[in-house]
Amino acid sequence: MSVHIDINCDMGESYGRWTLGADEEIMPNITSANIACGFHGGDPHVMRKSVELAVQHGVAVGAHPGLPDLMGFGRRRMEVTPQEIKDIHRYQVGALAAFARAAGTTLQHVKAHGIQYHMFEENLPLGRASAEQVIELDPNLILMTMAMTKYDAEARKVKGCRVAAEGFADRVYADDGQLVSRKLGKDALVSDPAKAADQKIVAAVRDGLVKAGAVVKPLREWFGK
């Protein structure tokens, strides 16, 4: 049985005179790009260039909407309502969709940025709103969630929502399946590329197992469907 692994990466997070990441070097090595839409990173010019770069390398384009917090890079918690989450996402996804259309392509998926995964896990109505927004905007879009979370389960309850659960190669998982907080610094990240690839990606595909803290789960159980 063949196994298809979609390698996605957050891209296009530079803005103005500030450059973040190595998009031109990374893009040829991934299959899906989560492109910032201007709220936590990115700007109209970077969005256009990122979409064009993805198209050039045959990479699927996804929207990566963040909270309206450029100063905090979308990693600071905000008090928002489910309707505000819908509005915040729709504004950004719609903008990136326009750039995709101009480049001769369409959006494949939507993935919330930064602190939102944690917010959605703690406040399921917010997570459900992110899934409803995708359906309301375009039922063909795929909503990317974090595997083995209450958010992922809640999103799958939204009728017609196409959900894809993701795992992180460069982050450390706690026993409960949640990402270790970035506040712990280096203890939250896998900074060695070889270690990330071998221990997370290759091991998961070869052995069908995913390790989170001291817990090991079957790959299919971890990523749901």
Protein backbone atom coordinates (compact mmCIF):
# COMPACT_ATOMS: atom_id res chain seq x y z
CA MET A 1 0.00 0.00 0.00
CA SER A 2 1.41 3.37 -0.99
CA VAL A 3 1.49 6.23 1.52
CA HIS A 4 1.20 9.86 0.49
CA ILE A 5 2.69 12.44 2.85
CA ASP A 6 1.75 16.09 2.37
CA ILE A 7 4.60 18.29 3.56
CA ASN A 8 3.26 21.74 4.41
CA CYS A 9 5.12 24.76 5.66
CA ASP A 10 4.18 28.26 6.82
CA MET A 11 5.33 30.70 4.15
CA GLY A 12 5.13 34.35 3.12
CA GLU A 13 5.50 35.79 6.61
CA SER A 14 7.82 38.65 5.63
CA TYR A 15 6.38 42.15 5.33
CA GLY A 16 7.64 45.59 4.42
CA ARG A 17 11.40 45.72 4.87
CA TRP A 18 11.39 42.79 7.31
CA THR A 19 12.33 39.36 5.93
CA LEU A 20 11.46 36.12 7.69
CA GLY A 21 12.24 32.59 6.56
CA ALA A 22 13.89 31.10 3.49
CA ASP A 23 10.87 30.70 1.24
CA GLU A 24 12.73 30.41 -2.06
CA GLU A 25 14.91 27.60 -0.72
CA ILE A 26 12.07 25.76 1.04
CA MET A 27 9.28 25.99 -1.54
CA PRO A 28 10.73 23.39 -3.97
CA ASN A 29 10.80 20.82 -1.14
CA ILE A 30 7.19 21.00 0.06
CA THR A 31 3.81 20.05 -1.37
CA SER A 32 1.53 22.60 0.34
CA ALA A 33 2.22 26.18 1.43
CA ASN A 34 0.38 27.93 4.26
CA ILE A 35 0.66 31.55 3.15
CA ALA A 36 0.26 34.42 5.62
CA CYS A 37 -2.50 36.84 4.72
CA GLY A 38 -1.37 40.13 6.25
CA PHE A 39 -2.60 40.03 9.84
CA HIS A 40 0.26 38.29 11.66
CA GLY A 41 2.73 38.51 8.78
CA GLY A 42 2.84 39.06 5.04
CA ASP A 43 1.63 42.00 3.01
CA PRO A 44 0.01 42.32 -0.44
CA HIS A 45 3.34 42.21 -2.27
CA VAL A 46 4.63 39.23 -0.28
CA MET A 47 1.31 37.43 -0.76
CA ARG A 48 1.55 37.85 -4.52
CA LYS A 49 5.16 36.70 -4.65
CA SER A 50 4.47 33.72 -2.38
CA VAL A 51 1.55 32.51 -4.50
CA GLU A 52 3.57 32.91 -7.69
CA LEU A 53 6.48 31.00 -6.14
CA ALA A 54 4.14 28.18 -5.12
CA VAL A 55 2.66 27.98 -8.60
CA GLN A 56 6.15 27.94 -10.11
CA HIS A 57 7.05 24.84 -8.08
CA GLY A 58 3.70 23.07 -8.32
CA VAL A 59 2.94 23.59 -4.64
CA ALA A 60 -0.68 23.75 -3.43
CA VAL A 61 -1.68 27.12 -2.01
CA GLY A 62 -3.35 27.45 1.39
CA ALA A 63 -4.41 30.45 3.45
CA HIS A 64 -2.81 30.92 6.87
CA PRO A 65 -5.04 33.48 8.62
CA GLY A 66 -3.78 34.94 11.88
CA LEU A 67 -5.17 37.15 14.58
CA PRO A 68 -4.91 40.91 13.88
CA ASP A 69 -1.69 41.21 15.89
CA LEU A 70 1.27 42.06 13.67
CA MET A 71 3.36 43.19 16.63
CA GLY A 72 2.88 39.87 18.44
CA PHE A 73 3.09 37.74 15.28
CA GLY A 74 -0.32 36.27 16.04
CA ARG A 75 0.99 34.38 19.07
CA ARG A 76 -0.79 36.45 21.73
CA ARG A 77 -4.20 35.42 22.97
CA MET A 78 -7.11 37.71 22.06
CA GLU A 79 -10.68 37.76 23.35
CA VAL A 80 -12.80 37.21 20.24
CA THR A 81 -16.25 35.80 19.52
CA PRO A 82 -17.03 32.98 17.07
CA GLN A 83 -18.43 35.53 14.63
CA GLU A 84 -15.28 37.61 14.90
CA ILE A 85 -13.18 34.54 14.11
CA LYS A 86 -15.32 34.02 10.99
CA ASP A 87 -14.86 37.64 9.95
CA ILE A 88 -11.13 37.66 10.66
CA HIS A 89 -10.58 34.47 8.64
CA ARG A 90 -12.89 35.40 5.77
CA TYR A 91 -11.18 38.76 5.26
CA GLN A 92 -7.77 37.10 4.94
CA VAL A 93 -8.78 33.97 3.02
CA GLY A 94 -10.70 36.10 0.55
CA ALA A 95 -7.68 38.33 -0.03
CA LEU A 96 -5.34 35.40 -0.69
CA ALA A 97 -7.94 33.76 -2.93
CA ALA A 98 -7.84 36.85 -5.14
CA PHE A 99 -4.06 36.57 -5.53
CA ALA A 100 -4.40 32.85 -6.26
CA ARG A 101 -7.00 33.50 -8.93
CA ALA A 102 -4.79 36.16 -10.54
CA ALA A 103 -1.94 33.62 -10.63
CA GLY A 104 -4.13 31.04 -12.34
CA THR A 105 -4.73 28.77 -9.36
CA THR A 106 -7.16 28.27 -6.46
CA LEU A 107 -6.83 27.78 -2.74
CA GLN A 108 -6.56 24.21 -1.48
CA HIS A 109 -6.82 24.70 2.28
CA VAL A 110 -7.06 26.97 5.29
CA LYS A 111 -4.89 26.62 8.38
CA ALA A 112 -5.23 28.89 11.41
CA HIS A 113 -2.00 30.51 12.59
CA GLY A 114 -0.32 30.82 15.96
CA ILE A 115 -2.20 30.84 19.24
CA GLN A 116 -5.49 29.96 17.54
CA TYR A 117 -4.96 26.20 17.80
CA HIS A 118 -4.74 26.59 21.59
CA MET A 119 -7.70 28.99 21.67
CA PHE A 120 -9.82 26.60 19.61
CA GLU A 121 -8.92 23.69 21.86
CA GLU A 122 -10.01 25.59 24.96
CA ASN A 123 -13.06 27.22 23.37
CA LEU A 124 -14.71 24.78 20.96
CA PRO A 125 -17.28 27.30 19.61
CA LEU A 126 -14.33 29.28 18.22
CA GLY A 127 -12.95 26.16 16.55
CA ARG A 128 -16.35 25.27 15.16
CA ALA A 129 -16.67 28.80 13.77
CA SER A 130 -13.41 28.34 11.85
CA ALA A 131 -14.86 25.20 10.24
CA GLU A 132 -18.23 26.83 9.49
CA GLN A 133 -16.44 29.75 7.87
CA VAL A 134 -14.69 27.41 5.45
CA ILE A 135 -17.98 25.77 4.44
CA GLU A 136 -19.71 29.12 4.04
CA LEU A 137 -16.90 30.48 1.88
CA ASP A 138 -16.07 27.44 -0.25
CA PRO A 139 -17.07 23.83 0.57
CA ASN A 140 -14.18 22.59 -1.57
CA LEU A 141 -11.61 24.08 0.79
CA ILE A 142 -9.85 21.76 3.23
CA LEU A 143 -9.60 22.87 6.86
CA MET A 144 -6.30 21.90 8.43
CA THR A 145 -6.46 21.04 12.13
CA MET A 146 -4.09 19.62 14.70
CA ALA A 147 -4.26 15.85 15.03
CA MET A 148 -5.71 14.18 18.13
CA THR A 149 -7.37 17.34 19.49
CA LYS A 150 -10.86 18.32 20.56
CA TYR A 151 -10.68 21.02 17.88
CA ASP A 152 -10.15 18.39 15.19
CA ALA A 153 -13.11 16.35 16.47
CA GLU A 154 -15.34 19.43 16.65
CA ALA A 155 -14.45 20.51 13.11
CA ARG A 156 -15.40 17.06 11.80
CA LYS A 157 -18.90 17.53 13.25
CA VAL A 158 -19.56 20.41 10.82
CA LYS A 159 -21.48 18.85 7.96
CA GLY A 160 -19.60 18.91 4.68
CA CYS A 161 -16.36 20.23 6.14
CA ARG A 162 -13.28 18.59 4.65
CA VAL A 163 -10.77 18.18 7.48
CA ALA A 164 -7.11 17.20 7.30
CA ALA A 165 -5.26 16.64 10.58
CA GLU A 166 -1.61 17.63 10.68
CA GLY A 167 1.43 16.78 12.73
CA PHE A 168 4.54 18.85 13.41
CA ALA A 169 8.01 17.61 12.57
CA ASP A 170 9.80 20.48 14.30
CA ARG A 171 7.77 20.67 17.52
CA VAL A 172 7.79 18.59 20.69
CA TYR A 173 4.55 16.95 21.84
CA ALA A 174 3.44 16.50 25.45
CA ASP A 175 1.86 13.28 26.74
CA ASP A 176 -1.63 14.65 26.08
CA GLY A 177 -0.86 15.17 22.39
CA GLN A 178 -0.66 18.96 22.67
CA LEU A 179 2.34 20.94 21.50
CA VAL A 180 4.79 21.90 24.22
CA SER A 181 4.53 25.67 24.72
CA ARG A 182 7.03 27.87 22.89
CA LYS A 183 7.47 29.69 26.19
CA LEU A 184 9.76 26.81 27.17
CA GLY A 185 12.15 27.87 24.42
CA LYS A 186 14.39 25.18 22.95
CA ASP A 187 12.51 22.45 24.83
CA ALA A 188 9.50 23.08 22.58
CA LEU A 189 11.38 22.77 19.29
CA VAL A 190 13.27 20.12 17.34
CA SER A 191 15.99 22.28 15.85
CA ASP A 192 18.05 19.50 14.23
CA PRO A 193 16.56 18.83 10.74
CA ALA A 194 17.95 15.30 10.59
CA LYS A 195 16.48 14.45 13.99
CA ALA A 196 13.11 15.93 13.04
CA ALA A 197 13.00 13.96 9.80
CA ASP A 198 14.19 10.65 11.23
CA GLN A 199 12.37 10.63 14.56
CA LYS A 200 9.10 12.16 13.41
CA ILE A 201 8.44 11.75 9.69
CA VAL A 202 10.43 8.69 8.64
CA ALA A 203 9.63 6.80 11.83
CA ALA A 204 5.92 7.57 11.52
CA VAL A 205 5.75 6.32 7.93
CA ARG A 206 8.05 3.32 8.45
CA ASP A 207 6.66 2.13 11.80
CA GLY A 208 3.16 3.59 11.68
CA LEU A 209 3.68 5.15 15.12
CA VAL A 210 3.75 8.70 16.49
CA LYS A 211 5.49 9.60 19.78
CA ALA A 212 4.20 12.33 22.09
CA GLY A 213 6.12 12.62 25.33
CA ALA A 214 6.05 9.13 26.81
CA VAL A 215 2.98 8.12 24.80
CA VAL A 216 3.14 6.23 21.50
CA LYS A 217 0.05 5.99 19.29
CA PRO A 218 -0.66 4.31 15.94
CA LEU A 219 -0.38 6.69 13.01
CA ARG A 220 -3.96 6.14 11.85
CA GLU A 221 -5.32 6.77 15.33
CA TRP A 222 -3.24 9.93 15.69
CA PHE A 223 -4.32 11.50 12.42
CA GLY A 224 -7.90 10.28 12.43
CA LYS A 225 -9.17 9.48 8.94
